[in-house]
């Protein structure tokens, strides 16, 4: 008989953000899901979605420090943010 899946998997494990990412999400350890939510909150609060293509994010200074370039897709964003978690 199979056991029930754990409710707290790898995505729920609190991870410490880098100094660059902490400027956006805060410096306390967070689950990956919460980091993604806070990055999106930041993007929306600063109106950083490309108006011509909402799937692209236009990076301001703080986001560029994390992403490494001026514009990223929302699919690239998750991988790039992941490099700033430990």
PDB file of N, CA and C in Angstrom:
ATOM      1  N   UNK A   1       0.838  -1.190   0.000  1.00  0.00           N
ATOM      2  CA  UNK A   1       0.000   0.000   0.000  1.00  0.00           C
ATOM      3  C   UNK A   1       0.882   1.253   0.000  1.00  0.00           C
ATOM      4  N   UNK A   2       0.598   2.193  -0.873  1.00  0.00           N
ATOM      5  CA  UNK A   2       1.409   3.404  -0.979  1.00  0.00           C
ATOM      6  C   UNK A   2       1.111   4.356   0.177  1.00  0.00           C
ATOM      7  N   UNK A   3       2.140   5.029   0.615  1.00  0.00           N
ATOM      8  CA  UNK A   3       1.950   6.004   1.686  1.00  0.00           C
ATOM      9  C   UNK A   3       1.595   7.353   1.074  1.00  0.00           C
ATOM     10  N   UNK A   4       0.955   8.186   1.846  1.00  0.00           N
ATOM     11  CA  UNK A   4       0.588   9.518   1.360  1.00  0.00           C
ATOM     12  C   UNK A   4       1.849  10.342   1.115  1.00  0.00           C
ATOM     13  N   UNK A   5       1.810  11.166   0.093  1.00  0.00           N
ATOM     14  CA  UNK A   5       2.957  12.015  -0.227  1.00  0.00           C
ATOM     15  C   UNK A   5       3.158  13.046   0.875  1.00  0.00           C
ATOM     16  N   UNK A   6       4.404  13.408   1.101  1.00  0.00           N
ATOM     17  CA  UNK A   6       4.708  14.444   2.091  1.00  0.00           C
ATOM     18  C   UNK A   6       4.147  15.769   1.619  1.00  0.00           C
ATOM     19  N   UNK A   7       3.665  16.561   2.564  1.00  0.00           N
ATOM     20  CA  UNK A   7       3.137  17.871   2.202  1.00  0.00           C
ATOM     21  C   UNK A   7       4.258  18.876   1.977  1.00  0.00           C
ATOM     22  N   UNK A   8       5.414  18.644   2.608  1.00  0.00           N
ATOM     23  CA  UNK A   8       6.520  19.590   2.432  1.00  0.00           C
ATOM     24  C   UNK A   8       7.622  18.934   1.625  1.00  0.00           C
ATOM     25  N   UNK A   9       7.664  19.257   0.357  1.00  0.00           N
ATOM     26  CA  UNK A   9       8.680  18.729  -0.541  1.00  0.00           C
ATOM     27  C   UNK A   9       9.801  19.732  -0.709  1.00  0.00           C
ATOM     28  N   UNK A  10      10.600  19.545  -1.736  1.00  0.00           N
ATOM     29  CA  UNK A  10      11.739  20.424  -1.994  1.00  0.00           C
ATOM     30  C   UNK A  10      11.308  21.874  -2.227  1.00  0.00           C
ATOM     31  N   UNK A  11      10.137  22.083  -2.829  1.00  0.00           N
ATOM     32  CA  UNK A  11       9.687  23.451  -3.099  1.00  0.00           C
ATOM     33  C   UNK A  11       9.304  24.194  -1.821  1.00  0.00           C
ATOM     34  N   UNK A  12       9.013  23.465  -0.757  1.00  0.00           N
ATOM     35  CA  UNK A  12       8.573  24.097   0.480  1.00  0.00           C
ATOM     36  C   UNK A  12       9.717  24.305   1.478  1.00  0.00           C
ATOM     37  N   UNK A  13      10.907  23.768   1.174  1.00  0.00           N
ATOM     38  CA  UNK A  13      12.055  23.910   2.067  1.00  0.00           C
ATOM     39  C   UNK A  13      12.524  25.363   2.056  1.00  0.00           C
ATOM     40  N   UNK A  14      12.607  25.992   3.238  1.00  0.00           N
ATOM     41  CA  UNK A  14      13.082  27.383   3.276  1.00  0.00           C
ATOM     42  C   UNK A  14      14.550  27.476   2.840  1.00  0.00           C
ATOM     43  N   UNK A  15      14.829  28.392   1.925  1.00  0.00           N
ATOM     44  CA  UNK A  15      16.177  28.614   1.420  1.00  0.00           C
ATOM     45  C   UNK A  15      16.561  30.072   1.626  1.00  0.00           C
ATOM     46  N   UNK A  16      17.832  30.319   1.852  1.00  0.00           N
ATOM     47  CA  UNK A  16      18.327  31.671   2.092  1.00  0.00           C
ATOM     48  C   UNK A  16      18.591  32.368   0.760  1.00  0.00           C
ATOM     49  N   UNK A  17      18.001  33.551   0.547  1.00  0.00           N
ATOM     50  CA  UNK A  17      18.261  34.290  -0.691  1.00  0.00           C
ATOM     51  C   UNK A  17      19.635  34.971  -0.653  1.00  0.00           C
ATOM     52  N   UNK A  18      20.240  35.151  -1.827  1.00  0.00           N
ATOM     53  CA  UNK A  18      21.504  35.891  -1.932  1.00  0.00           C
ATOM     54  C   UNK A  18      21.248  37.352  -1.562  1.00  0.00           C
ATOM     55  N   UNK A  19      22.318  38.105  -1.378  1.00  0.00           N
ATOM     56  CA  UNK A  19      22.186  39.531  -1.046  1.00  0.00           C
ATOM     57  C   UNK A  19      21.402  40.279  -2.125  1.00  0.00           C
ATOM     58  N   UNK A  20      21.643  39.932  -3.397  1.00  0.00           N
ATOM     59  CA  UNK A  20      20.949  40.595  -4.512  1.00  0.00           C
ATOM     60  C   UNK A  20      19.448  40.295  -4.484  1.00  0.00           C
ATOM     61  N   UNK A  21      19.117  39.018  -4.295  1.00  0.00           N
ATOM     62  CA  UNK A  21      17.710  38.621  -4.262  1.00  0.00           C
ATOM     63  C   UNK A  21      17.006  39.148  -3.010  1.00  0.00           C
ATOM     64  N   UNK A  22      17.750  39.248  -1.912  1.00  0.00           N
ATOM     65  CA  UNK A  22      17.174  39.746  -0.657  1.00  0.00           C
ATOM     66  C   UNK A  22      16.654  41.175  -0.790  1.00  0.00           C
ATOM     67  N   UNK A  23      17.220  41.956  -1.712  1.00  0.00           N
ATOM     68  CA  UNK A  23      16.740  43.324  -1.939  1.00  0.00           C
ATOM     69  C   UNK A  23      15.315  43.328  -2.492  1.00  0.00           C
ATOM     70  N   UNK A  24      14.909  42.209  -3.079  1.00  0.00           N
ATOM     71  CA  UNK A  24      13.571  42.100  -3.676  1.00  0.00           C
ATOM     72  C   UNK A  24      12.609  41.350  -2.762  1.00  0.00           C
ATOM     73  N   UNK A  25      13.068  40.229  -2.167  1.00  0.00           N
ATOM     74  CA  UNK A  25      12.162  39.347  -1.411  1.00  0.00           C
ATOM     75  C   UNK A  25      12.352  39.390   0.099  1.00  0.00           C
ATOM     76  N   UNK A  26      13.372  40.101   0.591  1.00  0.00           N
ATOM     77  CA  UNK A  26      13.678  40.103   2.016  1.00  0.00           C
ATOM     78  C   UNK A  26      14.771  39.082   2.296  1.00  0.00           C
ATOM     79  N   UNK A  27      15.389  39.179   3.465  1.00  0.00           N
ATOM     80  CA  UNK A  27      16.556  38.329   3.720  1.00  0.00           C
ATOM     81  C   UNK A  27      16.287  37.081   4.557  1.00  0.00           C
ATOM     82  N   UNK A  28      15.040  36.838   4.950  1.00  0.00           N
ATOM     83  CA  UNK A  28      14.747  35.627   5.720  1.00  0.00           C
ATOM     84  C   UNK A  28      14.606  34.426   4.788  1.00  0.00           C
ATOM     85  N   UNK A  29      14.934  33.213   5.266  1.00  0.00           N
ATOM     86  CA  UNK A  29      14.772  32.006   4.439  1.00  0.00           C
ATOM     87  C   UNK A  29      13.302  31.830   4.022  1.00  0.00           C
ATOM     88  N   UNK A  30      13.102  31.491   2.752  1.00  0.00           N
ATOM     89  CA  UNK A  30      11.754  31.341   2.192  1.00  0.00           C
ATOM     90  C   UNK A  30      11.682  30.087   1.324  1.00  0.00           C
ATOM     91  N   UNK A  31      10.478  29.537   1.196  1.00  0.00           N
ATOM     92  CA  UNK A  31      10.232  28.440   0.262  1.00  0.00           C
ATOM     93  C   UNK A  31      10.320  28.997  -1.162  1.00  0.00           C
ATOM     94  N   UNK A  32      10.708  28.139  -2.108  1.00  0.00           N
ATOM     95  CA  UNK A  32      10.797  28.578  -3.516  1.00  0.00           C
ATOM     96  C   UNK A  32       9.485  29.182  -4.000  1.00  0.00           C
ATOM     97  N   UNK A  33       8.381  28.599  -3.589  1.00  0.00           N
ATOM     98  CA  UNK A  33       7.078  29.106  -4.028  1.00  0.00           C
ATOM     99  C   UNK A  33       6.854  30.536  -3.525  1.00  0.00           C
ATOM    100  N   UNK A  34       7.264  30.814  -2.289  1.00  0.00           N
ATOM    101  CA  UNK A  34       7.100  32.156  -1.726  1.00  0.00           C
ATOM    102  C   UNK A  34       8.051  33.143  -2.405  1.00  0.00           C
ATOM    103  N   UNK A  35       9.267  32.700  -2.737  1.00  0.00           N
ATOM    104  CA  UNK A  35      10.222  33.561  -3.452  1.00  0.00           C
ATOM    105  C   UNK A  35       9.623  33.965  -4.795  1.00  0.00           C
ATOM    106  N   UNK A  36       9.079  32.995  -5.531  1.00  0.00           N
ATOM    107  CA  UNK A  36       8.480  33.279  -6.840  1.00  0.00           C
ATOM    108  C   UNK A  36       7.322  34.267  -6.692  1.00  0.00           C
ATOM    109  N   UNK A  37       6.494  34.060  -5.689  1.00  0.00           N
ATOM    110  CA  UNK A  37       5.360  34.958  -5.439  1.00  0.00           C
ATOM    111  C   UNK A  37       5.848  36.383  -5.176  1.00  0.00           C
ATOM    112  N   UNK A  38       6.864  36.516  -4.330  1.00  0.00           N
ATOM    113  CA  UNK A  38       7.371  37.853  -3.998  1.00  0.00           C
ATOM    114  C   UNK A  38       8.061  38.525  -5.182  1.00  0.00           C
ATOM    115  N   UNK A  39       8.744  37.757  -6.007  1.00  0.00           N
ATOM    116  CA  UNK A  39       9.360  38.336  -7.206  1.00  0.00           C
ATOM    117  C   UNK A  39       8.261  38.862  -8.126  1.00  0.00           C
ATOM    118  N   UNK A  40       7.180  38.094  -8.312  1.00  0.00           N
ATOM    119  CA  UNK A  40       6.059  38.557  -9.136  1.00  0.00           C
ATOM    120  C   UNK A  40       5.393  39.785  -8.530  1.00  0.00           C
ATOM    121  N   UNK A  41       5.262  39.814  -7.199  1.00  0.00           N
ATOM    122  CA  UNK A  41       4.697  41.000  -6.540  1.00  0.00           C
ATOM    123  C   UNK A  41       5.547  42.235  -6.860  1.00  0.00           C
ATOM    124  N   UNK A  42       6.870  42.056  -6.808  1.00  0.00           N
ATOM    125  CA  UNK A  42       7.809  43.145  -7.113  1.00  0.00           C
ATOM    126  C   UNK A  42       7.647  43.587  -8.572  1.00  0.00           C
ATOM    127  N   UNK A  43       7.590  42.628  -9.483  1.00  0.00           N
ATOM    128  CA  UNK A  43       7.454  42.935 -10.914  1.00  0.00           C
ATOM    129  C   UNK A  43       6.175  43.733 -11.168  1.00  0.00           C
ATOM    130  N   UNK A  44       5.083  43.300 -10.570  1.00  0.00           N
ATOM    131  CA  UNK A  44       3.800  43.988 -10.774  1.00  0.00           C
ATOM    132  C   UNK A  44       3.780  45.359 -10.108  1.00  0.00           C
ATOM    133  N   UNK A  45       4.361  45.464  -8.902  1.00  0.00           N
ATOM    134  CA  UNK A  45       4.385  46.749  -8.186  1.00  0.00           C
ATOM    135  C   UNK A  45       5.208  47.799  -8.930  1.00  0.00           C
ATOM    136  N   UNK A  46       6.243  47.347  -9.655  1.00  0.00           N
ATOM    137  CA  UNK A  46       7.112  48.267 -10.379  1.00  0.00           C
ATOM    138  C   UNK A  46       6.814  48.308 -11.880  1.00  0.00           C
ATOM    139  N   UNK A  47       5.717  47.669 -12.287  1.00  0.00           N
ATOM    140  CA  UNK A  47       5.263  47.686 -13.682  1.00  0.00           C
ATOM    141  C   UNK A  47       6.388  47.275 -14.644  1.00  0.00           C
ATOM    142  N   UNK A  48       6.965  46.089 -14.403  1.00  0.00           N
ATOM    143  CA  UNK A  48       8.122  45.642 -15.176  1.00  0.00           C
ATOM    144  C   UNK A  48       7.809  44.620 -16.263  1.00  0.00           C
ATOM    145  N   UNK A  49       6.527  44.306 -16.462  1.00  0.00           N
ATOM    146  CA  UNK A  49       6.189  43.414 -17.573  1.00  0.00           C
ATOM    147  C   UNK A  49       6.244  44.208 -18.872  1.00  0.00           C
ATOM    148  N   UNK A  50       6.796  43.591 -19.912  1.00  0.00           N
ATOM    149  CA  UNK A  50       6.864  44.231 -21.223  1.00  0.00           C
ATOM    150  C   UNK A  50       5.436  44.416 -21.734  1.00  0.00           C
ATOM    151  N   UNK A  51       5.009  45.657 -21.996  1.00  0.00           N
ATOM    152  CA  UNK A  51       3.632  45.876 -22.456  1.00  0.00           C
ATOM    153  C   UNK A  51       3.314  45.171 -23.780  1.00  0.00           C
ATOM    154  N   UNK A  52       4.312  44.982 -24.631  1.00  0.00           N
ATOM    155  CA  UNK A  52       4.101  44.330 -25.923  1.00  0.00           C
ATOM    156  C   UNK A  52       4.012  42.813 -25.781  1.00  0.00           C
ATOM    157  N   UNK A  53       4.647  42.258 -24.757  1.00  0.00           N
ATOM    158  CA  UNK A  53       4.647  40.812 -24.535  1.00  0.00           C
ATOM    159  C   UNK A  53       4.734  40.572 -23.030  1.00  0.00           C
ATOM    160  N   UNK A  54       3.596  40.359 -22.396  1.00  0.00           N
ATOM    161  CA  UNK A  54       3.512  40.253 -20.930  1.00  0.00           C
ATOM    162  C   UNK A  54       4.330  39.095 -20.359  1.00  0.00           C
ATOM    163  N   UNK A  55       4.748  38.141 -21.212  1.00  0.00           N
ATOM    164  CA  UNK A  55       5.562  37.027 -20.732  1.00  0.00           C
ATOM    165  C   UNK A  55       7.010  37.430 -20.499  1.00  0.00           C
ATOM    166  N   UNK A  56       7.387  38.620 -20.951  1.00  0.00           N
ATOM    167  CA  UNK A  56       8.750  39.107 -20.762  1.00  0.00           C
ATOM    168  C   UNK A  56       8.797  40.126 -19.630  1.00  0.00           C
ATOM    169  N   UNK A  57       9.868  40.049 -18.856  1.00  0.00           N
ATOM    170  CA  UNK A  57      10.062  40.945 -17.721  1.00  0.00           C
ATOM    171  C   UNK A  57      11.197  41.903 -18.070  1.00  0.00           C
ATOM    172  N   UNK A  58      10.950  43.205 -17.930  1.00  0.00           N
ATOM    173  CA  UNK A  58      11.969  44.223 -18.151  1.00  0.00           C
ATOM    174  C   UNK A  58      12.636  44.484 -16.798  1.00  0.00           C
ATOM    175  N   UNK A  59      13.918  44.203 -16.688  1.00  0.00           N
ATOM    176  CA  UNK A  59      14.611  44.272 -15.401  1.00  0.00           C
ATOM    177  C   UNK A  59      15.051  45.691 -15.057  1.00  0.00           C
ATOM    178  N   UNK A  60      14.704  46.123 -13.827  1.00  0.00           N
ATOM    179  CA  UNK A  60      15.258  47.361 -13.298  1.00  0.00           C
ATOM    180  C   UNK A  60      16.601  47.000 -12.651  1.00  0.00           C
ATOM    181  N   UNK A  61      17.229  47.928 -11.960  1.00  0.00           N
ATOM    182  CA  UNK A  61      18.543  47.684 -11.374  1.00  0.00           C
ATOM    183  C   UNK A  61      18.582  46.490 -10.428  1.00  0.00           C
ATOM    184  N   UNK A  62      17.603  46.399  -9.523  1.00  0.00           N
ATOM    185  CA  UNK A  62      17.577  45.312  -8.538  1.00  0.00           C
ATOM    186  C   UNK A  62      17.359  43.962  -9.217  1.00  0.00           C
ATOM    187  N   UNK A  63      16.437  43.912 -10.162  1.00  0.00           N
ATOM    188  CA  UNK A  63      16.171  42.645 -10.858  1.00  0.00           C
ATOM    189  C   UNK A  63      17.324  42.253 -11.776  1.00  0.00           C
ATOM    190  N   UNK A  64      17.970  43.238 -12.394  1.00  0.00           N
ATOM    191  CA  UNK A  64      19.096  42.936 -13.281  1.00  0.00           C
ATOM    192  C   UNK A  64      20.241  42.298 -12.496  1.00  0.00           C
ATOM    193  N   UNK A  65      20.423  42.700 -11.235  1.00  0.00           N
ATOM    194  CA  UNK A  65      21.465  42.113 -10.391  1.00  0.00           C
ATOM    195  C   UNK A  65      21.210  40.621 -10.168  1.00  0.00           C
ATOM    196  N   UNK A  66      19.937  40.228 -10.166  1.00  0.00           N
ATOM    197  CA  UNK A  66      19.567  38.819  -9.984  1.00  0.00           C
ATOM    198  C   UNK A  66      19.566  38.087 -11.321  1.00  0.00           C
ATOM    199  N   UNK A  67      18.956  38.677 -12.335  1.00  0.00           N
ATOM    200  CA  UNK A  67      18.752  38.000 -13.617  1.00  0.00           C
ATOM    201  C   UNK A  67      19.984  38.034 -14.523  1.00  0.00           C
ATOM    202  N   UNK A  68      20.788  39.082 -14.407  1.00  0.00           N
ATOM    203  CA  UNK A  68      21.994  39.178 -15.214  1.00  0.00           C
ATOM    204  C   UNK A  68      21.804  39.785 -16.593  1.00  0.00           C
ATOM    205  N   UNK A  69      20.584  40.193 -16.936  1.00  0.00           N
ATOM    206  CA  UNK A  69      20.348  40.836 -18.230  1.00  0.00           C
ATOM    207  C   UNK A  69      19.149  41.772 -18.137  1.00  0.00           C
ATOM    208  N   UNK A  70      18.930  42.550 -19.205  1.00  0.00           N
ATOM    209  CA  UNK A  70      17.898  43.596 -19.201  1.00  0.00           C
ATOM    210  C   UNK A  70      16.480  43.063 -19.320  1.00  0.00           C
ATOM    211  N   UNK A  71      16.322  41.919 -19.984  1.00  0.00           N
ATOM    212  CA  UNK A  71      14.978  41.364 -20.193  1.00  0.00           C
ATOM    213  C   UNK A  71      15.050  39.845 -20.145  1.00  0.00           C
ATOM    214  N   UNK A  72      14.095  39.233 -19.444  1.00  0.00           N
ATOM    215  CA  UNK A  72      14.025  37.768 -19.344  1.00  0.00           C
ATOM    216  C   UNK A  72      12.582  37.330 -19.574  1.00  0.00           C
ATOM    217  N   UNK A  73      12.409  36.080 -19.987  1.00  0.00           N
ATOM    218  CA  UNK A  73      11.054  35.533 -20.078  1.00  0.00           C
ATOM    219  C   UNK A  73      10.666  35.014 -18.693  1.00  0.00           C
ATOM    220  N   UNK A  74       9.384  34.845 -18.470  1.00  0.00           N
ATOM    221  CA  UNK A  74       8.951  34.347 -17.164  1.00  0.00           C
ATOM    222  C   UNK A  74       9.421  32.912 -16.948  1.00  0.00           C
ATOM    223  N   UNK A  75       9.742  32.196 -18.008  1.00  0.00           N
ATOM    224  CA  UNK A  75      10.242  30.826 -17.885  1.00  0.00           C
ATOM    225  C   UNK A  75      11.712  30.824 -17.465  1.00  0.00           C
ATOM    226  N   UNK A  76      12.497  31.738 -18.022  1.00  0.00           N
ATOM    227  CA  UNK A  76      13.903  31.876 -17.626  1.00  0.00           C
ATOM    228  C   UNK A  76      14.025  32.345 -16.181  1.00  0.00           C
ATOM    229  N   UNK A  77      13.103  33.206 -15.781  1.00  0.00           N
ATOM    230  CA  UNK A  77      13.158  33.837 -14.470  1.00  0.00           C
ATOM    231  C   UNK A  77      13.297  32.831 -13.341  1.00  0.00           C
ATOM    232  N   UNK A  78      12.522  31.751 -13.355  1.00  0.00           N
ATOM    233  CA  UNK A  78      12.539  30.774 -12.283  1.00  0.00           C
ATOM    234  C   UNK A  78      13.922  30.146 -12.136  1.00  0.00           C
ATOM    235  N   UNK A  79      14.543  29.784 -13.246  1.00  0.00           N
ATOM    236  CA  UNK A  79      15.881  29.184 -13.201  1.00  0.00           C
ATOM    237  C   UNK A  79      16.911  30.182 -12.696  1.00  0.00           C
ATOM    238  N   UNK A  80      16.826  31.414 -13.151  1.00  0.00           N
ATOM    239  CA  UNK A  80      17.784  32.443 -12.743  1.00  0.00           C
ATOM    240  C   UNK A  80      17.647  32.785 -11.262  1.00  0.00           C
ATOM    241  N   UNK A  81      16.419  32.853 -10.758  1.00  0.00           N
ATOM    242  CA  UNK A  81      16.191  33.110  -9.330  1.00  0.00           C
ATOM    243  C   UNK A  81      16.713  31.945  -8.504  1.00  0.00           C
ATOM    244  N   UNK A  82      16.532  30.730  -8.994  1.00  0.00           N
ATOM    245  CA  UNK A  82      16.987  29.532  -8.273  1.00  0.00           C
ATOM    246  C   UNK A  82      18.473  29.550  -7.973  1.00  0.00           C
ATOM    247  N   UNK A  83      19.259  30.181  -8.831  1.00  0.00           N
ATOM    248  CA  UNK A  83      20.711  30.278  -8.618  1.00  0.00           C
ATOM    249  C   UNK A  83      21.053  31.173  -7.433  1.00  0.00           C
ATOM    250  N   UNK A  84      20.095  31.962  -6.972  1.00  0.00           N
ATOM    251  CA  UNK A  84      20.317  32.892  -5.856  1.00  0.00           C
ATOM    252  C   UNK A  84      19.765  32.356  -4.532  1.00  0.00           C
ATOM    253  N   UNK A  85      19.441  31.075  -4.497  1.00  0.00           N
ATOM    254  CA  UNK A  85      18.911  30.452  -3.276  1.00  0.00           C
ATOM    255  C   UNK A  85      19.882  29.373  -2.793  1.00  0.00           C
ATOM    256  N   UNK A  86      20.103  29.343  -1.488  1.00  0.00           N
ATOM    257  CA  UNK A  86      20.974  28.292  -0.949  1.00  0.00           C
ATOM    258  C   UNK A  86      20.479  27.808   0.403  1.00  0.00           C
TER     259      UNK A  86
END
